[in-house]
Amino acid sequence: DRGYFNFKKFDAYSEEGIKFATRLKTNTKVHVIEDLPVEDASPITKHAIVKIGNMKNYLQFVETSDSEGNKIRIVCNDASRSAAEISDIYRNRWKIGVSS
């Protein structure tokens, strides 16, 4: 989650093809490159292509709310994912299937 936040590592992951989605720290500078459309009925309030901090690679940015209404800002380096998928990936990150 937010315990490990390193722009150089994020760039390395992107260059090595390692996919990630992570929540941004509140003080992270976000540079919007391109705003993307958001459906009116969607819980997503913003979707954009961005750069964060001193990263070289572009990321998808998704802004939504948690179950208590708190704003969540997520970035993901998987360009094939929709904003809804990125939100779901982040929300479900701790769910682990247990077989009996």
Protein backbone atom coordinates (compact mmCIF):
# COMPACT_ATOMS: atom_id res chain seq x y z
CA ASP A 1 0.00 0.00 0.00
CA ARG A 2 1.39 3.48 0.80
CA GLY A 3 4.19 2.15 2.99
CA TYR A 4 6.49 1.74 -0.01
CA PHE A 5 6.47 4.76 -2.31
CA ASN A 6 9.50 5.25 -4.56
CA PHE A 7 9.36 7.02 -7.93
CA LYS A 8 12.55 5.36 -9.21
CA LYS A 9 11.15 1.91 -8.38
CA PHE A 10 7.85 2.80 -10.09
CA ASP A 11 9.80 3.78 -13.23
CA ALA A 12 11.82 0.55 -13.02
CA TYR A 13 8.62 -1.51 -12.66
CA SER A 14 7.13 0.22 -15.70
CA GLU A 15 10.25 -0.37 -17.78
CA GLU A 16 10.39 -4.04 -16.71
CA GLY A 17 6.70 -4.63 -17.50
CA ILE A 18 5.74 -5.11 -13.84
CA LYS A 19 2.18 -3.82 -13.33
CA PHE A 20 1.17 -1.93 -10.19
CA ALA A 21 -1.63 0.15 -8.73
CA THR A 22 -1.04 2.23 -5.61
CA ARG A 23 -2.71 4.96 -3.63
CA LEU A 24 -1.00 8.33 -3.75
CA LYS A 25 0.23 10.11 -0.67
CA THR A 26 -1.63 13.37 -0.04
CA ASN A 27 1.45 15.49 -0.76
CA THR A 28 2.34 13.80 -4.08
CA LYS A 29 2.57 16.26 -6.98
CA VAL A 30 0.40 15.14 -9.90
CA HIS A 31 1.05 16.61 -13.35
CA VAL A 32 -1.96 16.02 -15.60
CA ILE A 33 -0.96 15.24 -19.18
CA GLU A 34 -4.44 14.42 -20.49
CA ASP A 35 -7.88 14.31 -18.89
CA LEU A 36 -9.90 11.24 -19.84
CA PRO A 37 -13.71 10.96 -19.93
CA VAL A 38 -15.64 9.85 -16.85
CA GLU A 39 -19.21 8.54 -16.98
CA ASP A 40 -21.76 10.71 -15.12
CA ALA A 41 -23.16 7.81 -13.04
CA SER A 42 -19.69 6.50 -12.14
CA PRO A 43 -18.15 6.70 -8.65
CA ILE A 44 -14.97 7.80 -10.46
CA THR A 45 -14.59 11.60 -10.17
CA LYS A 46 -11.41 11.97 -12.26
CA HIS A 47 -9.51 9.85 -14.77
CA ALA A 48 -6.34 11.14 -16.42
CA ILE A 49 -2.94 10.33 -17.84
CA VAL A 50 -0.37 11.82 -15.46
CA LYS A 51 3.20 11.97 -14.30
CA ILE A 52 3.91 12.00 -10.59
CA GLY A 53 6.93 13.45 -8.83
CA ASN A 54 10.06 13.04 -10.94
CA MET A 55 8.91 9.90 -12.78
CA LYS A 56 9.76 9.47 -16.47
CA ASN A 57 6.83 7.17 -17.27
CA TYR A 58 3.16 8.06 -17.64
CA LEU A 59 0.54 6.57 -15.34
CA GLN A 60 -3.22 6.38 -15.24
CA PHE A 61 -4.73 8.43 -12.42
CA VAL A 62 -8.10 7.57 -10.88
CA GLU A 63 -9.87 9.57 -8.21
CA THR A 64 -12.79 7.97 -6.35
CA SER A 65 -14.10 7.64 -2.78
CA ASP A 66 -13.86 4.89 -0.19
CA SER A 67 -16.86 3.45 1.67
CA GLU A 68 -16.72 6.33 4.19
CA GLY A 69 -16.68 9.00 1.47
CA ASN A 70 -12.98 9.83 1.76
CA LYS A 71 -11.22 10.77 -1.47
CA ILE A 72 -8.83 8.13 -2.83
CA ARG A 73 -6.24 8.95 -5.51
CA ILE A 74 -4.82 5.90 -7.28
CA VAL A 75 -2.17 5.56 -9.99
CA CYS A 76 -1.60 2.53 -12.19
CA ASN A 77 0.91 1.76 -14.93
CA ASP A 78 -1.36 -0.67 -16.82
CA ALA A 79 -2.67 1.33 -19.78
CA SER A 80 -5.02 -1.50 -20.78
CA ARG A 81 -7.16 -1.10 -17.64
CA SER A 82 -10.26 1.08 -17.37
CA ALA A 83 -10.73 3.53 -14.50
CA ALA A 84 -13.31 1.18 -12.94
CA GLU A 85 -10.89 -1.76 -13.16
CA ILE A 86 -8.11 0.26 -11.52
CA SER A 87 -10.46 1.26 -8.72
CA ASP A 88 -11.53 -2.38 -8.25
CA ILE A 89 -7.93 -3.62 -8.28
CA TYR A 90 -7.04 -1.19 -5.53
CA ARG A 91 -10.16 -1.91 -3.45
CA ASN A 92 -9.63 -5.67 -3.68
CA ARG A 93 -5.86 -5.67 -3.11
CA TRP A 94 -6.06 -7.36 0.30
CA LYS A 95 -8.65 -10.01 -0.57
CA ILE A 96 -6.95 -13.36 -0.65
CA GLY A 97 -8.70 -16.56 -1.65
CA VAL A 98 -8.40 -19.32 0.90
CA SER A 99 -9.05 -22.89 -0.17
CA SER A 100 -10.53 -25.38 2.26
